[in-house]
Amino acid sequence: MRAPRAAIDRCYVYEPGFIDEASRSQILSWLATLKPLWEQRYSTRRPLPAGKQQRGLLRPVYWLGNWQFACLGYYEPPKRTEHVAVTAERFPPVLARLVATIEKRVRGGFPPATVPRRWHLNTCLVNFYGSRDENGKTIDAARVGEHRDFEPGPVASLSIGERARFQFVRRGSFDAPPVRTQWLEDGSLQVFAGPRWKDDLLHRVQRVDDKHDLDLPPSIAGFRTRRVNFTFRYVPDEHVAPFARLPPHARDDVREYVAQLAKSSQFFAEALASEASVR
């Protein structure tokens, strides 16, 4: 007698080997052109929120589609949906092709109720996982604590480099066994959606292996990257604003970051120049 087949969860997909070798090579070449940012959690131009301390983010980041600067308050509906997503560079062709495939699979395989009508993957957080040098010591920065993604609809991620131990955990029960542990391998795709994976549970990156002594591009002073993750989400288009259209206080908060990006990005150089036309 055959054992019963495991139930298929239409709201969760993990596919190893999703990124082919040609695409992987193109992604690495494109990564080498980036100048990631080290951001501060809060504005350096205004008083800190009550009871909060300024801190740098754990690792350098880069955003595509729209940039959700930490100091503007990450996109967290229903409280923060305006002036927190700033228009950024388009996906490079190789990522655009992969995203088109992901979107097609989601629309064809995920329950319709979990995919908003206008859903499309229009924002990407590029996270660099590795170790940084700090006062002569090597600090591991290859982890992310328990959190949830507030953006509506399915979330997709692509991984390059060392494998990462990704876990879903119950709220308030962080010492209990994880609900699901998935090793995200080099070249893999993960997609999740629906109330169980996005709302009821939190997720985290508990650790990233360091078995192959990788130093992935781009070159980042004082930092060695052993894994790069691309997390794609959907921000309603009406919530995305060009830098020049932000309210003055928000522009003041991120102007130094935009100026830093403008040194290596024609897109942000033009965004910075366009500010003069609205003053």
Protein backbone atom coordinates (compact mmCIF):
# COMPACT_ATOMS: atom_id res chain seq x y z
CA MET A 1 0.00 0.00 0.00
CA ARG A 2 1.42 3.35 -1.01
CA ALA A 3 1.96 6.01 1.61
CA PRO A 4 -0.32 9.03 1.19
CA ARG A 5 1.19 11.89 -0.76
CA ALA A 6 2.13 14.98 1.21
CA ALA A 7 -0.35 17.81 0.90
CA ILE A 8 0.70 20.57 -1.47
CA ASP A 9 0.78 24.04 0.05
CA ARG A 10 -0.15 26.38 -2.80
CA CYS A 11 1.03 29.38 -0.76
CA TYR A 12 4.64 28.23 -0.44
CA VAL A 13 7.23 27.37 -3.09
CA TYR A 14 10.87 26.44 -2.77
CA GLU A 15 12.80 25.63 -5.95
CA PRO A 16 16.53 24.91 -5.87
CA GLY A 17 18.46 25.63 -9.04
CA PHE A 18 16.03 28.26 -10.27
CA ILE A 19 18.86 30.58 -11.41
CA ASP A 20 20.69 29.10 -14.39
CA GLU A 21 24.45 29.52 -14.78
CA ALA A 22 24.21 32.20 -17.48
CA SER A 23 21.85 34.29 -15.35
CA ARG A 24 24.03 33.80 -12.28
CA SER A 25 27.07 35.08 -14.17
CA GLN A 26 25.13 38.13 -15.38
CA ILE A 27 23.90 38.88 -11.86
CA LEU A 28 27.42 38.73 -10.44
CA SER A 29 28.70 41.07 -13.18
CA TRP A 30 25.90 43.53 -12.41
CA LEU A 31 26.52 43.32 -8.65
CA ALA A 32 30.12 44.37 -9.25
CA THR A 33 28.85 47.77 -10.46
CA LEU A 34 26.96 48.62 -7.26
CA LYS A 35 27.92 50.86 -4.37
CA PRO A 36 25.70 49.69 -1.48
CA LEU A 37 24.72 52.00 1.36
CA TRP A 38 25.25 51.71 5.09
CA GLU A 39 22.15 53.36 6.50
CA GLN A 40 21.25 54.67 9.94
CA ARG A 41 17.97 53.47 11.36
CA TYR A 42 16.69 56.98 12.13
CA SER A 43 17.07 60.43 10.65
CA THR A 44 20.29 62.21 11.52
CA ARG A 45 18.60 65.59 10.99
CA ARG A 46 15.75 65.34 13.47
CA PRO A 47 15.38 64.34 17.13
CA LEU A 48 15.23 60.60 17.71
CA PRO A 49 11.85 59.04 18.47
CA ALA A 50 11.13 58.81 22.17
CA GLY A 51 13.00 55.97 23.82
CA LYS A 52 14.99 55.08 20.68
CA GLN A 53 18.73 55.03 20.11
CA GLN A 54 20.44 55.69 16.79
CA ARG A 55 22.02 52.63 15.23
CA GLY A 56 23.41 51.56 11.92
CA LEU A 57 21.75 48.77 10.00
CA LEU A 58 23.40 45.40 10.42
CA ARG A 59 24.60 45.18 6.81
CA PRO A 60 24.87 47.26 3.63
CA VAL A 61 21.88 47.24 1.30
CA TYR A 62 20.74 48.29 -2.14
CA TRP A 63 17.18 48.71 -3.43
CA LEU A 64 15.70 48.45 -6.90
CA GLY A 65 12.31 49.67 -8.14
CA ASN A 66 11.86 51.84 -5.08
CA TRP A 67 14.12 52.55 -2.14
CA GLN A 68 12.62 52.23 1.33
CA PHE A 69 15.10 54.28 3.30
CA ALA A 70 15.25 53.10 6.90
CA CYS A 71 15.02 56.62 8.32
CA LEU A 72 11.68 57.20 6.54
CA GLY A 73 10.16 54.24 8.38
CA TYR A 74 9.94 50.99 6.47
CA TYR A 75 6.72 50.37 4.57
CA GLU A 76 4.35 49.29 7.34
CA PRO A 77 0.68 49.69 6.45
CA PRO A 78 -1.71 50.93 7.60
CA LYS A 79 0.40 53.49 9.48
CA ARG A 80 3.10 54.31 6.95
CA THR A 81 2.16 54.10 3.30
CA GLU A 82 3.06 57.60 2.12
CA HIS A 83 6.49 59.14 1.58
CA VAL A 84 8.37 55.94 2.50
CA ALA A 85 9.02 54.43 -0.95
CA VAL A 86 11.26 56.51 -3.22
CA THR A 87 11.53 55.77 -6.92
CA ALA A 88 14.77 53.88 -7.66
CA GLU A 89 16.51 52.19 -10.58
CA ARG A 90 14.75 49.57 -12.66
CA PHE A 91 15.67 45.92 -12.35
CA PRO A 92 18.60 44.99 -14.60
CA PRO A 93 17.51 42.84 -17.58
CA VAL A 94 18.61 39.56 -16.00
CA LEU A 95 16.53 40.16 -12.86
CA ALA A 96 13.60 41.47 -14.92
CA ARG A 97 13.53 38.19 -16.85
CA LEU A 98 13.58 36.10 -13.69
CA VAL A 99 10.89 38.26 -12.09
CA ALA A 100 8.62 37.83 -15.12
CA THR A 101 8.90 34.05 -14.72
CA ILE A 102 8.15 34.27 -10.99
CA GLU A 103 5.10 36.48 -11.54
CA LYS A 104 3.73 34.07 -14.15
CA ARG A 105 4.13 31.12 -11.79
CA VAL A 106 2.49 32.98 -8.91
CA ARG A 107 -0.53 34.01 -10.96
CA GLY A 108 -0.89 30.50 -12.32
CA GLY A 109 -0.32 28.57 -9.11
CA PHE A 110 -1.13 30.60 -6.00
CA PRO A 111 -4.71 30.95 -4.70
CA PRO A 112 -6.26 34.06 -6.32
CA ALA A 113 -7.27 35.43 -2.91
CA THR A 114 -3.58 35.77 -1.95
CA VAL A 115 -2.61 37.78 -5.05
CA PRO A 116 -3.87 41.41 -5.11
CA ARG A 117 -5.43 42.50 -8.42
CA ARG A 118 -2.60 44.90 -9.29
CA TRP A 119 0.16 42.83 -7.73
CA HIS A 120 3.52 42.85 -9.44
CA LEU A 121 7.03 42.62 -8.03
CA ASN A 122 8.12 46.24 -8.25
CA THR A 123 10.58 46.53 -5.38
CA CYS A 124 13.69 44.54 -4.53
CA LEU A 125 15.85 44.65 -1.43
CA VAL A 126 19.38 43.48 -2.16
CA ASN A 127 20.82 42.26 1.14
CA PHE A 128 24.51 41.52 1.55
CA TYR A 129 25.19 38.84 4.15
CA GLY A 130 28.68 38.45 5.50
CA SER A 131 31.09 39.81 8.08
CA ARG A 132 32.31 43.32 8.76
CA ASP A 133 35.47 44.67 10.33
CA GLU A 134 34.84 46.71 13.45
CA ASN A 135 37.66 48.07 15.62
CA GLY A 136 39.97 45.29 14.52
CA LYS A 137 37.39 42.56 15.14
CA THR A 138 35.39 40.53 12.64
CA ILE A 139 31.65 40.81 13.31
CA ASP A 140 29.27 38.34 11.69
CA ALA A 141 26.34 40.15 10.05
CA ALA A 142 24.77 37.18 8.31
CA ARG A 143 21.43 36.96 10.05
CA VAL A 144 18.04 38.66 10.30
CA GLY A 145 15.83 38.58 13.39
CA GLU A 146 12.17 37.65 13.56
CA HIS A 147 9.94 39.93 11.49
CA ARG A 148 7.14 39.99 8.94
CA ASP A 149 6.79 41.65 5.54
CA PHE A 150 3.93 44.15 5.45
CA GLU A 151 3.77 44.71 1.70
CA PRO A 152 0.64 43.11 0.19
CA GLY A 153 0.73 39.88 -1.76
CA PRO A 154 3.34 37.16 -2.33
CA VAL A 155 7.00 37.72 -1.45
CA ALA A 156 9.73 36.13 -3.57
CA SER A 157 13.45 35.81 -2.92
CA LEU A 158 16.48 34.63 -4.86
CA SER A 159 19.72 33.52 -3.22
CA ILE A 160 23.31 33.52 -4.44
CA GLY A 161 26.31 32.27 -2.50
CA GLU A 162 26.45 30.29 0.73
CA ARG A 163 23.26 28.61 1.87
CA ALA A 164 21.10 30.30 4.53
CA ARG A 165 19.00 28.72 7.26
CA PHE A 166 15.58 30.36 6.87
CA GLN A 167 12.90 29.71 9.48
CA PHE A 168 9.24 30.48 10.11
CA VAL A 169 8.40 30.82 13.81
CA ARG A 170 5.28 31.43 15.86
CA ARG A 171 4.78 34.85 17.38
CA GLY A 172 5.86 34.99 21.01
CA SER A 173 7.24 31.43 20.89
CA PHE A 174 10.76 32.01 19.64
CA ASP A 175 12.20 29.25 21.87
CA ALA A 176 9.76 26.69 20.45
CA PRO A 177 10.74 24.55 17.45
CA PRO A 178 10.34 26.45 14.17
CA VAL A 179 7.21 25.76 12.15
CA ARG A 180 9.39 25.35 9.05
CA THR A 181 13.13 25.40 8.41
CA GLN A 182 14.33 25.75 4.84
CA TRP A 183 17.95 25.91 3.74
CA LEU A 184 18.08 28.47 0.91
CA GLU A 185 20.72 27.14 -1.46
CA ASP A 186 22.79 28.98 -4.05
CA GLY A 187 20.56 29.74 -7.05
CA SER A 188 17.30 28.95 -5.27
CA LEU A 189 13.87 30.59 -5.36
CA GLN A 190 11.50 30.92 -2.41
CA VAL A 191 7.98 32.38 -2.62
CA PHE A 192 5.40 32.60 0.14
CA ALA A 193 2.00 34.24 0.54
CA GLY A 194 -1.27 34.06 2.41
CA PRO A 195 -2.26 34.68 6.03
CA ARG A 196 -0.38 31.70 7.48
CA TRP A 197 3.07 32.51 6.11
CA LYS A 198 2.81 36.31 6.01
CA ASP A 199 0.60 37.22 8.98
CA ASP A 200 0.37 34.41 11.51
CA LEU A 201 4.07 33.53 11.45
CA LEU A 202 7.27 35.54 11.59
CA HIS A 203 10.40 34.60 9.66
CA ARG A 204 14.13 34.96 10.18
CA VAL A 205 17.51 34.10 8.75
CA GLN A 206 19.14 32.26 11.61
CA ARG A 207 22.54 31.69 10.04
CA VAL A 208 24.50 31.63 6.79
CA ASP A 209 27.18 29.02 6.15
CA ASP A 210 30.80 30.00 5.59
CA LYS A 211 32.20 26.86 4.02
CA HIS A 212 33.65 28.15 0.77
CA ASP A 213 35.43 31.35 1.84
CA LEU A 214 33.34 33.39 -0.62
CA ASP A 215 33.86 37.09 -1.23
CA LEU A 216 31.06 38.04 -3.59
CA PRO A 217 30.80 41.34 -5.47
CA PRO A 218 30.59 44.23 -5.10
CA SER A 219 33.71 45.29 -3.25
CA ILE A 220 32.58 46.85 0.06
CA ALA A 221 35.19 48.43 2.30
CA GLY A 222 35.47 46.55 5.60
CA PHE A 223 32.95 43.89 4.58
CA ARG A 224 33.17 40.40 3.07
CA THR A 225 29.99 39.17 1.38
CA ARG A 226 29.34 35.44 1.34
CA ARG A 227 25.65 35.53 0.38
CA VAL A 228 23.47 37.94 -1.59
CA ASN A 229 19.70 37.75 -1.31
CA PHE A 230 17.19 39.51 -3.54
CA THR A 231 13.79 39.94 -1.87
CA PHE A 232 11.03 41.05 -4.23
CA ARG A 233 7.79 42.56 -2.97
CA TYR A 234 4.86 44.66 -4.18
CA VAL A 235 4.36 48.28 -3.15
CA PRO A 236 1.18 49.81 -4.63
CA ASP A 237 2.37 52.15 -7.37
CA GLU A 238 0.50 55.10 -5.91
CA HIS A 239 2.68 54.87 -2.80
CA VAL A 240 5.93 55.32 -4.74
CA ALA A 241 7.20 58.89 -5.20
CA PRO A 242 10.22 60.38 -7.00
CA PHE A 243 12.75 61.94 -4.67
CA ALA A 244 11.85 65.46 -5.83
CA ARG A 245 8.18 64.86 -4.93
CA LEU A 246 8.81 63.90 -1.32
CA PRO A 247 7.76 66.47 1.28
CA PRO A 248 10.65 68.74 2.33
CA HIS A 249 11.33 66.99 5.65
CA ALA A 250 11.58 63.57 3.97
CA ARG A 251 13.90 64.94 1.29
CA ASP A 252 16.09 66.43 4.01
CA ASP A 253 16.22 63.05 5.76
CA VAL A 254 17.50 61.14 2.72
CA ARG A 255 19.31 63.80 0.67
CA GLU A 256 22.75 62.73 1.88
CA TYR A 257 22.00 59.13 0.95
CA VAL A 258 20.75 60.16 -2.49
CA ALA A 259 23.87 62.30 -2.98
CA GLN A 260 26.02 59.30 -2.09
CA LEU A 261 24.14 57.10 -4.54
CA ALA A 262 24.41 59.79 -7.21
CA LYS A 263 28.20 59.39 -7.25
CA SER A 264 27.86 56.00 -8.94
CA SER A 265 24.28 56.02 -10.28
CA GLN A 266 23.12 58.16 -13.19
CA PHE A 267 19.54 57.55 -12.08
CA PHE A 268 20.09 59.09 -8.66
CA ALA A 269 22.26 61.87 -10.09
CA GLU A 270 19.28 62.90 -12.21
CA ALA A 271 16.91 62.50 -9.24
CA LEU A 272 19.08 64.83 -7.18
CA ALA A 273 19.26 67.40 -9.98
CA SER A 274 15.49 67.30 -10.46
CA GLU A 275 14.95 68.54 -6.91
CA ALA A 276 15.90 72.09 -7.98
CA SER A 277 12.99 72.23 -10.42
CA VAL A 278 10.38 71.80 -7.66
CA ARG A 279 11.78 74.30 -5.17
